[in-house]
Amino acid sequence: MDEITILKQIAEGDPDDKKCVVKLLDHFKHSGPNGQHVCMVFEYLGDNLLTLIKYTDYRGMPLHMVKEICFHILVGLDYLHRQLSIIHTDLKPENILLLSMIDPVKDPRKSGAPLILPTSKDKTVFESGAAKDVKSLNGDLTKNQKKKIRRKAKRAAQGCVGKEVSEETDADPKTSCAADSSDDVKAKAEAIEDQPSSSVSKKNSSNADGGKEVHQGNQGHRRGSRSTRQKLLASVNLKCKLVDFGNACWTYKQFTSDIQTRQYRCPEVLLGSKYSTSADLWSFACICFELATGDVLFDPHSGDNFDRDEVWLC
């Protein structure tokens, strides 16, 4: 609810939608089998900056493109800091979204694909490209059949619609869905804070293609040939917005001293000192470097007699 309060304040102060910060359209409560959930409705946006970095094969973008992206980020930060006294506290490439998809073919608004899952009067759910009656969930089905139906519905909601799934497998939908999405990136970063899904991971292994990690080649293949990616990058709309205010706070009301993803964490937070809006500026500078080079500025590693914070501070 604190996040919703912050998002409402952001939306109310930007009626003309010029401040480069995501807009909260609505929120509601939903009661389900696992309790009551607060749901937030946002405007439809495109790929995040980490995906943009991947399109460059972690080689960095031309400086004129970096400058344009940085301009929009600074507009957003200036609005948050100077007008609203809000600190984002978790600024990183995954939390900055382009206004549109890098590849227009993947943009539902341009391809004609539905933006939301279809619904009907008999309350159907979208299941692997087909509608299935929800009543069957409570009908004369076996426990295993119900489990499969719930799994398929979850996969559909996670963006895996159209991918074939074996009826015989009980694979976790989170691992079986080969989706390269910002939600997946965020989930990994939140679950394993010290192993963020950024260009850090590409250092851990190498292959014949310039020392990049093997799985990057597969991701690149899904995004098309290098020439295709370069053409898409050359024509991409670089307007972007700051998103994910789940950890945000006010300068006068802070919730925790443990903020920021490690690679974008400022010195005062590492030292356990007081922080303010300058913490976001430190993260912003790290993002600038990453956009220009394809690599993170700080990636400390621990040793037998020291931890990563000590390495970073040295």
C-alpha atoms as a PDB file:
ATOM      1  CA  MET A   1       0.000   0.000   0.000  1.00  0.00           C
ATOM      2  CA  ASP A   2       2.982   2.297   0.501  1.00  0.00           C
ATOM      3  CA  GLU A   3       3.941   1.600  -3.100  1.00  0.00           C
ATOM      4  CA  ILE A   4       0.424   2.486  -4.261  1.00  0.00           C
ATOM      5  CA  THR A   5       0.547   5.722  -2.262  1.00  0.00           C
ATOM      6  CA  ILE A   6       3.838   6.637  -3.960  1.00  0.00           C
ATOM      7  CA  LEU A   7       2.524   5.691  -7.419  1.00  0.00           C
ATOM      8  CA  LYS A   8      -0.633   7.744  -6.907  1.00  0.00           C
ATOM      9  CA  GLN A   9       1.481  10.742  -5.932  1.00  0.00           C
ATOM     10  CA  ILE A  10       3.590  10.236  -9.074  1.00  0.00           C
ATOM     11  CA  ALA A  11       0.537  10.009 -11.348  1.00  0.00           C
ATOM     12  CA  GLU A  12      -1.266  12.995  -9.819  1.00  0.00           C
ATOM     13  CA  GLY A  13       1.768  15.244 -10.265  1.00  0.00           C
ATOM     14  CA  ASP A  14       2.205  14.319 -13.926  1.00  0.00           C
ATOM     15  CA  PRO A  15      -1.165  14.785 -15.690  1.00  0.00           C
ATOM     16  CA  ASP A  16       0.525  15.442 -19.055  1.00  0.00           C
ATOM     17  CA  ASP A  17       2.633  12.265 -18.836  1.00  0.00           C
ATOM     18  CA  LYS A  18       5.941  14.013 -19.512  1.00  0.00           C
ATOM     19  CA  LYS A  19       7.984  13.003 -16.461  1.00  0.00           C
ATOM     20  CA  CYS A  20       9.306   9.628 -17.711  1.00  0.00           C
ATOM     21  CA  VAL A  21       7.877   7.642 -14.794  1.00  0.00           C
ATOM     22  CA  VAL A  22       5.411   4.746 -15.077  1.00  0.00           C
ATOM     23  CA  LYS A  23       1.713   5.532 -14.609  1.00  0.00           C
ATOM     24  CA  LEU A  24      -0.499   3.594 -12.197  1.00  0.00           C
ATOM     25  CA  LEU A  25      -3.912   3.341 -13.873  1.00  0.00           C
ATOM     26  CA  ASP A  26      -5.832   1.560 -11.127  1.00  0.00           C
ATOM     27  CA  HIS A  27      -5.595  -0.975  -8.318  1.00  0.00           C
ATOM     28  CA  PHE A  28      -7.988  -3.542  -6.851  1.00  0.00           C
ATOM     29  CA  LYS A  29      -8.148  -6.477  -4.459  1.00  0.00           C
ATOM     30  CA  HIS A  30      -8.626 -10.036  -5.671  1.00  0.00           C
ATOM     31  CA  SER A  31      -9.576 -12.972  -3.455  1.00  0.00           C
ATOM     32  CA  GLY A  32      -8.305 -16.370  -4.543  1.00  0.00           C
ATOM     33  CA  PRO A  33      -7.390 -19.798  -3.175  1.00  0.00           C
ATOM     34  CA  ASN A  34      -4.202 -18.343  -1.652  1.00  0.00           C
ATOM     35  CA  GLY A  35      -5.823 -15.380   0.038  1.00  0.00           C
ATOM     36  CA  GLN A  36      -6.417 -11.756  -0.893  1.00  0.00           C
ATOM     37  CA  HIS A  37      -4.059 -10.044  -3.332  1.00  0.00           C
ATOM     38  CA  VAL A  38      -3.605  -6.346  -4.047  1.00  0.00           C
ATOM     39  CA  CYS A  39      -3.293  -5.942  -7.815  1.00  0.00           C
ATOM     40  CA  MET A  40      -1.965  -2.885  -9.634  1.00  0.00           C
ATOM     41  CA  VAL A  41      -2.818  -1.917 -13.213  1.00  0.00           C
ATOM     42  CA  PHE A  42      -0.141  -0.094 -15.196  1.00  0.00           C
ATOM     43  CA  GLU A  43       0.190   1.316 -18.679  1.00  0.00           C
ATOM     44  CA  TYR A  44       1.556  -1.056 -21.310  1.00  0.00           C
ATOM     45  CA  LEU A  45       5.297  -0.577 -21.850  1.00  0.00           C
ATOM     46  CA  GLY A  46       8.036  -2.315 -23.825  1.00  0.00           C
ATOM     47  CA  ASP A  47      11.391  -4.015 -23.215  1.00  0.00           C
ATOM     48  CA  ASN A  48      13.677  -3.088 -20.342  1.00  0.00           C
ATOM     49  CA  LEU A  49      17.196  -1.715 -20.751  1.00  0.00           C
ATOM     50  CA  LEU A  50      18.784  -5.055 -19.895  1.00  0.00           C
ATOM     51  CA  THR A  51      17.116  -6.522 -22.980  1.00  0.00           C
ATOM     52  CA  LEU A  52      18.472  -3.577 -24.962  1.00  0.00           C
ATOM     53  CA  ILE A  53      21.968  -4.349 -23.664  1.00  0.00           C
ATOM     54  CA  LYS A  54      21.526  -7.982 -24.731  1.00  0.00           C
ATOM     55  CA  TYR A  55      20.620  -6.845 -28.253  1.00  0.00           C
ATOM     56  CA  THR A  56      24.096  -5.267 -28.470  1.00  0.00           C
ATOM     57  CA  ASP A  57      25.674  -8.625 -27.520  1.00  0.00           C
ATOM     58  CA  TYR A  58      27.042  -6.878 -24.408  1.00  0.00           C
ATOM     59  CA  ARG A  59      29.252  -4.676 -26.585  1.00  0.00           C
ATOM     60  CA  GLY A  60      27.680  -1.391 -25.573  1.00  0.00           C
ATOM     61  CA  MET A  61      25.683   1.205 -27.476  1.00  0.00           C
ATOM     62  CA  PRO A  62      26.823   4.302 -29.388  1.00  0.00           C
ATOM     63  CA  LEU A  63      27.197   7.299 -27.088  1.00  0.00           C
ATOM     64  CA  HIS A  64      24.469   9.326 -28.806  1.00  0.00           C
ATOM     65  CA  MET A  65      22.000   6.549 -27.928  1.00  0.00           C
ATOM     66  CA  VAL A  66      23.299   6.362 -24.355  1.00  0.00           C
ATOM     67  CA  LYS A  67      22.876  10.130 -23.980  1.00  0.00           C
ATOM     68  CA  GLU A  68      19.277  10.013 -25.211  1.00  0.00           C
ATOM     69  CA  ILE A  69      18.369   7.240 -22.770  1.00  0.00           C
ATOM     70  CA  CYS A  70      20.146   9.031 -19.919  1.00  0.00           C
ATOM     71  CA  PHE A  71      18.204  12.219 -20.673  1.00  0.00           C
ATOM     72  CA  HIS A  72      14.890  10.445 -20.079  1.00  0.00           C
ATOM     73  CA  ILE A  73      16.183   8.765 -16.907  1.00  0.00           C
ATOM     74  CA  LEU A  74      17.316  12.134 -15.541  1.00  0.00           C
ATOM     75  CA  VAL A  75      13.938  13.721 -16.320  1.00  0.00           C
ATOM     76  CA  GLY A  76      12.324  10.978 -14.234  1.00  0.00           C
ATOM     77  CA  LEU A  77      14.813  11.303 -11.382  1.00  0.00           C
ATOM     78  CA  ASP A  78      14.531  15.083 -11.304  1.00  0.00           C
ATOM     79  CA  TYR A  79      10.758  14.772 -11.006  1.00  0.00           C
ATOM     80  CA  LEU A  80      10.978  12.174  -8.231  1.00  0.00           C
ATOM     81  CA  HIS A  81      13.721  13.908  -6.261  1.00  0.00           C
ATOM     82  CA  ARG A  82      13.034  17.622  -6.643  1.00  0.00           C
ATOM     83  CA  GLN A  83       9.242  17.715  -6.873  1.00  0.00           C
ATOM     84  CA  LEU A  84       8.132  14.671  -4.874  1.00  0.00           C
ATOM     85  CA  SER A  85      11.065  13.941  -2.511  1.00  0.00           C
ATOM     86  CA  ILE A  86      10.883  10.269  -3.566  1.00  0.00           C
ATOM     87  CA  ILE A  87      13.939   7.978  -3.700  1.00  0.00           C
ATOM     88  CA  HIS A  88      13.596   5.000  -6.055  1.00  0.00           C
ATOM     89  CA  THR A  89      16.298   2.975  -4.172  1.00  0.00           C
ATOM     90  CA  ASP A  90      16.532   0.184  -6.765  1.00  0.00           C
ATOM     91  CA  LEU A  91      17.531   1.802 -10.032  1.00  0.00           C
ATOM     92  CA  LYS A  92      19.013  -0.691 -12.518  1.00  0.00           C
ATOM     93  CA  PRO A  93      18.555  -1.596 -16.224  1.00  0.00           C
ATOM     94  CA  GLU A  94      15.733  -4.038 -15.415  1.00  0.00           C
ATOM     95  CA  ASN A  95      13.721  -1.238 -13.786  1.00  0.00           C
ATOM     96  CA  ILE A  96      13.804   1.119 -16.760  1.00  0.00           C
ATOM     97  CA  LEU A  97      11.399   0.237 -19.572  1.00  0.00           C
ATOM     98  CA  LEU A  98      11.266   1.501 -23.131  1.00  0.00           C
ATOM     99  CA  LEU A  99       7.887   2.819 -24.256  1.00  0.00           C
ATOM    100  CA  SER A 100       7.749   0.165 -26.982  1.00  0.00           C
ATOM    101  CA  MET A 101       9.235  -3.195 -27.899  1.00  0.00           C
ATOM    102  CA  ILE A 102      12.619  -3.288 -29.626  1.00  0.00           C
ATOM    103  CA  ASP A 103      11.216  -5.730 -32.183  1.00  0.00           C
ATOM    104  CA  PRO A 104       7.845  -4.398 -33.482  1.00  0.00           C
ATOM    105  CA  VAL A 105       6.791  -7.947 -34.376  1.00  0.00           C
ATOM    106  CA  LYS A 106       6.716  -8.773 -30.650  1.00  0.00           C
ATOM    107  CA  ASP A 107       4.580  -5.744 -29.788  1.00  0.00           C
ATOM    108  CA  PRO A 108       0.919  -6.806 -29.344  1.00  0.00           C
ATOM    109  CA  ARG A 109      -0.194  -3.265 -30.120  1.00  0.00           C
ATOM    110  CA  LYS A 110       1.332  -3.547 -33.591  1.00  0.00           C
ATOM    111  CA  SER A 111       0.969  -7.270 -34.270  1.00  0.00           C
ATOM    112  CA  GLY A 112      -2.741  -7.438 -33.443  1.00  0.00           C
ATOM    113  CA  ALA A 113      -2.280  -9.907 -30.544  1.00  0.00           C
ATOM    114  CA  PRO A 114      -4.534  -9.318 -27.505  1.00  0.00           C
ATOM    115  CA  LEU A 115      -3.006  -7.246 -24.712  1.00  0.00           C
ATOM    116  CA  ILE A 116      -4.881  -9.205 -22.042  1.00  0.00           C
ATOM    117  CA  LEU A 117      -6.095 -12.753 -21.652  1.00  0.00           C
ATOM    118  CA  PRO A 118      -9.550 -13.184 -23.222  1.00  0.00           C
ATOM    119  CA  THR A 119     -12.546 -13.629 -20.934  1.00  0.00           C
ATOM    120  CA  SER A 120     -16.200 -14.583 -21.394  1.00  0.00           C
ATOM    121  CA  LYS A 121     -19.434 -14.802 -19.406  1.00  0.00           C
ATOM    122  CA  ASP A 122     -18.750 -18.366 -18.329  1.00  0.00           C
ATOM    123  CA  LYS A 123     -15.408 -17.325 -16.764  1.00  0.00           C
ATOM    124  CA  THR A 124     -12.917 -19.153 -18.942  1.00  0.00           C
ATOM    125  CA  VAL A 125      -9.160 -19.116 -18.622  1.00  0.00           C
ATOM    126  CA  PHE A 126      -6.717 -19.110 -21.479  1.00  0.00           C
ATOM    127  CA  GLU A 127      -4.931 -22.437 -21.597  1.00  0.00           C
ATOM    128  CA  SER A 128      -2.131 -22.989 -24.130  1.00  0.00           C
ATOM    129  CA  GLY A 129      -3.967 -21.113 -26.850  1.00  0.00           C
ATOM    130  CA  ALA A 130      -7.437 -22.462 -26.044  1.00  0.00           C
ATOM    131  CA  ALA A 131     -10.182 -21.511 -23.570  1.00  0.00           C
ATOM    132  CA  LYS A 132     -11.040 -23.984 -20.853  1.00  0.00           C
ATOM    133  CA  ASP A 133     -14.064 -23.801 -18.570  1.00  0.00           C
ATOM    134  CA  VAL A 134     -13.051 -22.877 -15.041  1.00  0.00           C
ATOM    135  CA  LYS A 135     -15.877 -25.040 -13.696  1.00  0.00           C
ATOM    136  CA  SER A 136     -13.835 -28.090 -14.597  1.00  0.00           C
ATOM    137  CA  LEU A 137     -11.339 -27.079 -11.896  1.00  0.00           C
ATOM    138  CA  ASN A 138     -13.964 -28.011  -9.323  1.00  0.00           C
ATOM    139  CA  GLY A 139     -15.566 -30.873 -11.251  1.00  0.00           C
ATOM    140  CA  ASP A 140     -14.948 -34.606 -11.265  1.00  0.00           C
ATOM    141  CA  LEU A 141     -11.271 -34.331 -12.172  1.00  0.00           C
ATOM    142  CA  THR A 142      -8.433 -36.133 -10.481  1.00  0.00           C
ATOM    143  CA  LYS A 143      -6.024 -34.174  -8.319  1.00  0.00           C
ATOM    144  CA  ASN A 144      -3.312 -34.592 -10.954  1.00  0.00           C
ATOM    145  CA  GLN A 145      -5.588 -33.295 -13.730  1.00  0.00           C
ATOM    146  CA  LYS A 146      -6.461 -30.234 -11.694  1.00  0.00           C
ATOM    147  CA  LYS A 147      -2.783 -29.638 -11.056  1.00  0.00           C
ATOM    148  CA  LYS A 148      -2.043 -29.757 -14.789  1.00  0.00           C
ATOM    149  CA  ILE A 149      -4.867 -27.334 -15.567  1.00  0.00           C
ATOM    150  CA  ARG A 150      -3.653 -24.876 -12.930  1.00  0.00           C
ATOM    151  CA  ARG A 151      -0.094 -25.188 -14.258  1.00  0.00           C
ATOM    152  CA  LYS A 152      -1.190 -24.458 -17.819  1.00  0.00           C
ATOM    153  CA  ALA A 153      -3.250 -21.473 -16.718  1.00  0.00           C
ATOM    154  CA  LYS A 154      -0.207 -20.150 -14.831  1.00  0.00           C
ATOM    155  CA  ARG A 155       2.007 -20.666 -17.878  1.00  0.00           C
ATOM    156  CA  ALA A 156      -0.482 -18.766 -20.006  1.00  0.00           C
ATOM    157  CA  ALA A 157      -0.474 -15.887 -17.539  1.00  0.00           C
ATOM    158  CA  GLN A 158       3.349 -15.867 -17.576  1.00  0.00           C
ATOM    159  CA  GLY A 159       3.434 -15.359 -21.316  1.00  0.00           C
ATOM    160  CA  CYS A 160       4.117 -18.917 -22.417  1.00  0.00           C
ATOM    161  CA  VAL A 161       0.947 -19.244 -24.494  1.00  0.00           C
ATOM    162  CA  GLY A 162       1.566 -21.217 -27.664  1.00  0.00           C
ATOM    163  CA  LYS A 163       4.534 -23.192 -26.334  1.00  0.00           C
ATOM    164  CA  GLU A 164       4.033 -26.930 -26.330  1.00  0.00           C
ATOM    165  CA  VAL A 165       3.962 -28.650 -22.982  1.00  0.00           C
ATOM    166  CA  SER A 166       4.061 -32.355 -22.422  1.00  0.00           C
ATOM    167  CA  GLU A 167       0.981 -33.697 -20.653  1.00  0.00           C
ATOM    168  CA  GLU A 168       3.164 -36.211 -18.849  1.00  0.00           C
ATOM    169  CA  THR A 169       5.590 -33.783 -17.217  1.00  0.00           C
ATOM    170  CA  ASP A 170       5.218 -32.064 -13.866  1.00  0.00           C
ATOM    171  CA  ALA A 171       7.875 -29.487 -14.655  1.00  0.00           C
ATOM    172  CA  ASP A 172       7.725 -26.212 -12.814  1.00  0.00           C
ATOM    173  CA  PRO A 173       6.200 -23.619 -15.138  1.00  0.00           C
ATOM    174  CA  LYS A 174       8.791 -21.095 -14.020  1.00  0.00           C
ATOM    175  CA  THR A 175      11.628 -23.273 -15.279  1.00  0.00           C
ATOM    176  CA  SER A 176       9.919 -24.803 -18.294  1.00  0.00           C
ATOM    177  CA  CYS A 177       8.920 -21.459 -19.746  1.00  0.00           C
ATOM    178  CA  ALA A 178      11.802 -20.240 -21.882  1.00  0.00           C
ATOM    179  CA  ALA A 179      10.658 -16.639 -21.791  1.00  0.00           C
ATOM    180  CA  ASP A 180      13.187 -13.802 -21.841  1.00  0.00           C
ATOM    181  CA  SER A 181      11.142 -11.275 -19.890  1.00  0.00           C
ATOM    182  CA  SER A 182      11.769  -8.489 -17.434  1.00  0.00           C
ATOM    183  CA  ASP A 183       9.614 -10.313 -14.874  1.00  0.00           C
ATOM    184  CA  ASP A 184      11.987 -13.320 -15.040  1.00  0.00           C
ATOM    185  CA  VAL A 185      14.974 -11.030 -14.607  1.00  0.00           C
ATOM    186  CA  LYS A 186      13.390  -9.284 -11.659  1.00  0.00           C
ATOM    187  CA  ALA A 187      12.429 -12.563  -9.998  1.00  0.00           C
ATOM    188  CA  LYS A 188      15.997 -13.862 -10.222  1.00  0.00           C
ATOM    189  CA  ALA A 189      17.452 -10.607  -8.948  1.00  0.00           C
ATOM    190  CA  GLU A 190      15.067 -10.544  -5.992  1.00  0.00           C
ATOM    191  CA  ALA A 191      15.595 -14.221  -5.166  1.00  0.00           C
ATOM    192  CA  ILE A 192      19.397 -14.178  -5.505  1.00  0.00           C
ATOM    193  CA  GLU A 193      20.418 -10.611  -4.806  1.00  0.00           C
ATOM    194  CA  ASP A 194      24.110 -11.330  -5.144  1.00  0.00           C
ATOM    195  CA  GLN A 195      23.709 -12.972  -8.543  1.00  0.00           C
ATOM    196  CA  PRO A 196      21.788 -10.278 -10.465  1.00  0.00           C
ATOM    197  CA  SER A 197      20.627 -11.007 -13.989  1.00  0.00           C
ATOM    198  CA  SER A 198      22.718  -8.382 -15.702  1.00  0.00           C
ATOM    199  CA  SER A 199      25.851  -8.457 -17.796  1.00  0.00           C
ATOM    200  CA  VAL A 200      27.697  -9.698 -14.692  1.00  0.00           C
ATOM    201  CA  SER A 201      26.836 -13.307 -15.485  1.00  0.00           C
ATOM    202  CA  LYS A 202      28.463 -13.228 -18.898  1.00  0.00           C
ATOM    203  CA  LYS A 203      31.940 -13.318 -17.331  1.00  0.00           C
ATOM    204  CA  ASN A 204      31.491 -16.747 -15.795  1.00  0.00           C
ATOM    205  CA  SER A 205      32.037 -18.784 -18.933  1.00  0.00           C
ATOM    206  CA  SER A 206      33.317 -18.338 -22.445  1.00  0.00           C
ATOM    207  CA  ASN A 207      33.022 -19.739 -25.939  1.00  0.00           C
ATOM    208  CA  ALA A 208      34.353 -18.990 -29.382  1.00  0.00           C
ATOM    209  CA  ASP A 209      32.199 -15.878 -29.764  1.00  0.00           C
ATOM    210  CA  GLY A 210      34.232 -13.256 -27.952  1.00  0.00           C
ATOM    211  CA  GLY A 211      34.067 -14.839 -24.494  1.00  0.00           C
ATOM    212  CA  LYS A 212      30.297 -14.573 -24.113  1.00  0.00           C
ATOM    213  CA  GLU A 213      28.344 -17.111 -22.118  1.00  0.00           C
ATOM    214  CA  VAL A 214      26.827 -20.009 -24.043  1.00  0.00           C
ATOM    215  CA  HIS A 215      23.219 -19.209 -23.152  1.00  0.00           C
ATOM    216  CA  GLN A 216      23.666 -15.716 -24.574  1.00  0.00           C
ATOM    217  CA  GLY A 217      24.188 -17.233 -28.003  1.00  0.00           C
ATOM    218  CA  ASN A 218      20.841 -18.982 -27.698  1.00  0.00           C
ATOM    219  CA  GLN A 219      19.163 -15.769 -26.613  1.00  0.00           C
ATOM    220  CA  GLY A 220      20.774 -13.935 -29.496  1.00  0.00           C
ATOM    221  CA  HIS A 221      19.473 -16.577 -31.876  1.00  0.00           C
ATOM    222  CA  ARG A 222      15.935 -16.023 -30.615  1.00  0.00           C
ATOM    223  CA  ARG A 223      16.395 -12.323 -31.306  1.00  0.00           C
ATOM    224  CA  GLY A 224      17.579 -13.024 -34.848  1.00  0.00           C
ATOM    225  CA  SER A 225      20.918 -12.608 -36.574  1.00  0.00           C
ATOM    226  CA  ARG A 226      23.396  -9.958 -35.519  1.00  0.00           C
ATOM    227  CA  SER A 227      22.593  -7.845 -38.585  1.00  0.00           C
ATOM    228  CA  THR A 228      18.881  -8.050 -37.749  1.00  0.00           C
ATOM    229  CA  ARG A 229      19.541  -6.982 -34.160  1.00  0.00           C
ATOM    230  CA  GLN A 230      21.662  -4.071 -35.346  1.00  0.00           C
ATOM    231  CA  LYS A 231      18.898  -2.886 -37.680  1.00  0.00           C
ATOM    232  CA  LEU A 232      16.365  -3.072 -34.858  1.00  0.00           C
ATOM    233  CA  LEU A 233      18.689  -1.153 -32.541  1.00  0.00           C
ATOM    234  CA  ALA A 234      19.208   1.550 -35.145  1.00  0.00           C
ATOM    235  CA  SER A 235      15.464   2.195 -35.371  1.00  0.00           C
ATOM    236  CA  VAL A 236      14.440   1.646 -31.734  1.00  0.00           C
ATOM    237  CA  ASN A 237      12.486   4.326 -29.880  1.00  0.00           C
ATOM    238  CA  LEU A 238      14.735   5.209 -26.941  1.00  0.00           C
ATOM    239  CA  LYS A 239      12.094   6.959 -24.853  1.00  0.00           C
ATOM    240  CA  CYS A 240      11.841   5.167 -21.520  1.00  0.00           C
ATOM    241  CA  LYS A 241      10.264   5.286 -18.068  1.00  0.00           C
ATOM    242  CA  LEU A 242      11.318   4.400 -14.531  1.00  0.00           C
ATOM    243  CA  VAL A 243       9.323   1.495 -13.084  1.00  0.00           C
ATOM    244  CA  ASP A 244       9.087  -0.762  -9.996  1.00  0.00           C
ATOM    245  CA  PHE A 245       8.559   1.379  -6.916  1.00  0.00           C
ATOM    246  CA  GLY A 246       8.178  -1.584  -4.585  1.00  0.00           C
ATOM    247  CA  ASN A 247      11.224  -0.478  -2.584  1.00  0.00           C
ATOM    248  CA  ALA A 248      10.814   3.277  -3.015  1.00  0.00           C
ATOM    249  CA  CYS A 249      10.570   5.688  -0.104  1.00  0.00           C
ATOM    250  CA  TRP A 250      10.449   9.385   0.705  1.00  0.00           C
ATOM    251  CA  THR A 251      13.455  11.418   1.792  1.00  0.00           C
ATOM    252  CA  TYR A 252      11.601  12.136   5.043  1.00  0.00           C
ATOM    253  CA  LYS A 253      10.214   8.613   5.525  1.00  0.00           C
ATOM    254  CA  GLN A 254      12.547   5.698   4.855  1.00  0.00           C
ATOM    255  CA  PHE A 255      11.628   2.074   5.460  1.00  0.00           C
ATOM    256  CA  THR A 256      14.994   0.303   5.508  1.00  0.00           C
ATOM    257  CA  SER A 257      18.739   0.888   5.342  1.00  0.00           C
ATOM    258  CA  ASP A 258      19.205  -2.178   3.101  1.00  0.00           C
ATOM    259  CA  ILE A 259      18.564  -0.797  -0.376  1.00  0.00           C
ATOM    260  CA  GLN A 260      19.785  -1.215  -3.973  1.00  0.00           C
ATOM    261  CA  THR A 261      20.999  -4.225  -5.937  1.00  0.00           C
ATOM    262  CA  ARG A 262      24.666  -4.860  -5.133  1.00  0.00           C
ATOM    263  CA  GLN A 263      26.199  -3.811  -8.463  1.00  0.00           C
ATOM    264  CA  TYR A 264      24.382  -0.453  -8.276  1.00  0.00           C
ATOM    265  CA  ARG A 265      24.766   0.129  -4.526  1.00  0.00           C
ATOM    266  CA  CYS A 266      26.257   3.421  -3.368  1.00  0.00           C
ATOM    267  CA  PRO A 267      29.107   3.789  -0.812  1.00  0.00           C
ATOM    268  CA  GLU A 268      26.975   5.315   1.953  1.00  0.00           C
ATOM    269  CA  VAL A 269      24.636   2.311   1.921  1.00  0.00           C
ATOM    270  CA  LEU A 270      27.580  -0.101   2.038  1.00  0.00           C
ATOM    271  CA  LEU A 271      28.896   1.800   5.062  1.00  0.00           C
ATOM    272  CA  GLY A 272      25.503   1.751   6.757  1.00  0.00           C
ATOM    273  CA  SER A 273      25.331   5.534   6.722  1.00  0.00           C
ATOM    274  CA  LYS A 274      22.369   7.784   5.947  1.00  0.00           C
ATOM    275  CA  TYR A 275      21.299   8.031   2.317  1.00  0.00           C
ATOM    276  CA  SER A 276      19.159  10.351   0.219  1.00  0.00           C
ATOM    277  CA  THR A 277      18.391  11.067  -3.443  1.00  0.00           C
ATOM    278  CA  SER A 278      22.100  10.883  -4.315  1.00  0.00           C
ATOM    279  CA  ALA A 279      21.826   7.095  -3.916  1.00  0.00           C
ATOM    280  CA  ASP A 280      19.762   7.012  -7.117  1.00  0.00           C
ATOM    281  CA  LEU A 281      22.353   9.177  -8.880  1.00  0.00           C
ATOM    282  CA  TRP A 282      25.074   6.664  -8.048  1.00  0.00           C
ATOM    283  CA  SER A 283      22.980   3.863  -9.548  1.00  0.00           C
ATOM    284  CA  PHE A 284      22.285   6.074 -12.573  1.00  0.00           C
ATOM    285  CA  ALA A 285      26.019   6.555 -13.180  1.00  0.00           C
ATOM    286  CA  CYS A 286      26.549   2.786 -13.019  1.00  0.00           C
ATOM    287  CA  ILE A 287      23.786   2.327 -15.593  1.00  0.00           C
ATOM    288  CA  CYS A 288      25.392   4.904 -17.899  1.00  0.00           C
ATOM    289  CA  PHE A 289      28.628   2.916 -17.844  1.00  0.00           C
ATOM    290  CA  GLU A 290      26.786  -0.349 -18.479  1.00  0.00           C
ATOM    291  CA  LEU A 291      24.868   1.062 -21.442  1.00  0.00           C
ATOM    292  CA  ALA A 292      28.050   2.384 -23.025  1.00  0.00           C
ATOM    293  CA  THR A 293      30.240  -0.680 -22.439  1.00  0.00           C
ATOM    294  CA  GLY A 294      27.872  -3.608 -21.976  1.00  0.00           C
ATOM    295  CA  ASP A 295      29.573  -4.423 -18.673  1.00  0.00           C
ATOM    296  CA  VAL A 296      28.860  -3.518 -15.062  1.00  0.00           C
ATOM    297  CA  LEU A 297      31.087  -0.935 -13.404  1.00  0.00           C
ATOM    298  CA  PHE A 298      31.334  -2.793 -10.078  1.00  0.00           C
ATOM    299  CA  ASP A 299      31.311  -6.559  -9.628  1.00  0.00           C
ATOM    300  CA  PRO A 300      33.224  -7.387  -6.430  1.00  0.00           C
ATOM    301  CA  HIS A 301      33.913 -10.991  -5.449  1.00  0.00           C
ATOM    302  CA  SER A 302      34.554 -12.304  -1.952  1.00  0.00           C
ATOM    303  CA  GLY A 303      37.586 -14.273  -0.801  1.00  0.00           C
ATOM    304  CA  ASP A 304      38.569 -16.498   2.113  1.00  0.00           C
ATOM    305  CA  ASN A 305      39.329 -13.610   4.464  1.00  0.00           C
ATOM    306  CA  PHE A 306      37.124 -10.812   3.123  1.00  0.00           C
ATOM    307  CA  ASP A 307      33.642 -10.238   1.799  1.00  0.00           C
ATOM    308  CA  ARG A 308      32.432  -8.405  -1.289  1.00  0.00           C
ATOM    309  CA  ASP A 309      31.633  -5.182   0.525  1.00  0.00           C
ATOM    310  CA  GLU A 310      35.233  -4.936   1.730  1.00  0.00           C
ATOM    311  CA  VAL A 311      36.531  -5.498  -1.817  1.00  0.00           C
ATOM    312  CA  TRP A 312      34.133  -2.881  -3.173  1.00  0.00           C
ATOM    313  CA  LEU A 313      35.175  -0.270  -0.595  1.00  0.00           C
ATOM    314  CA  CYS A 314      38.864  -0.863  -1.316  1.00  0.00           C
END
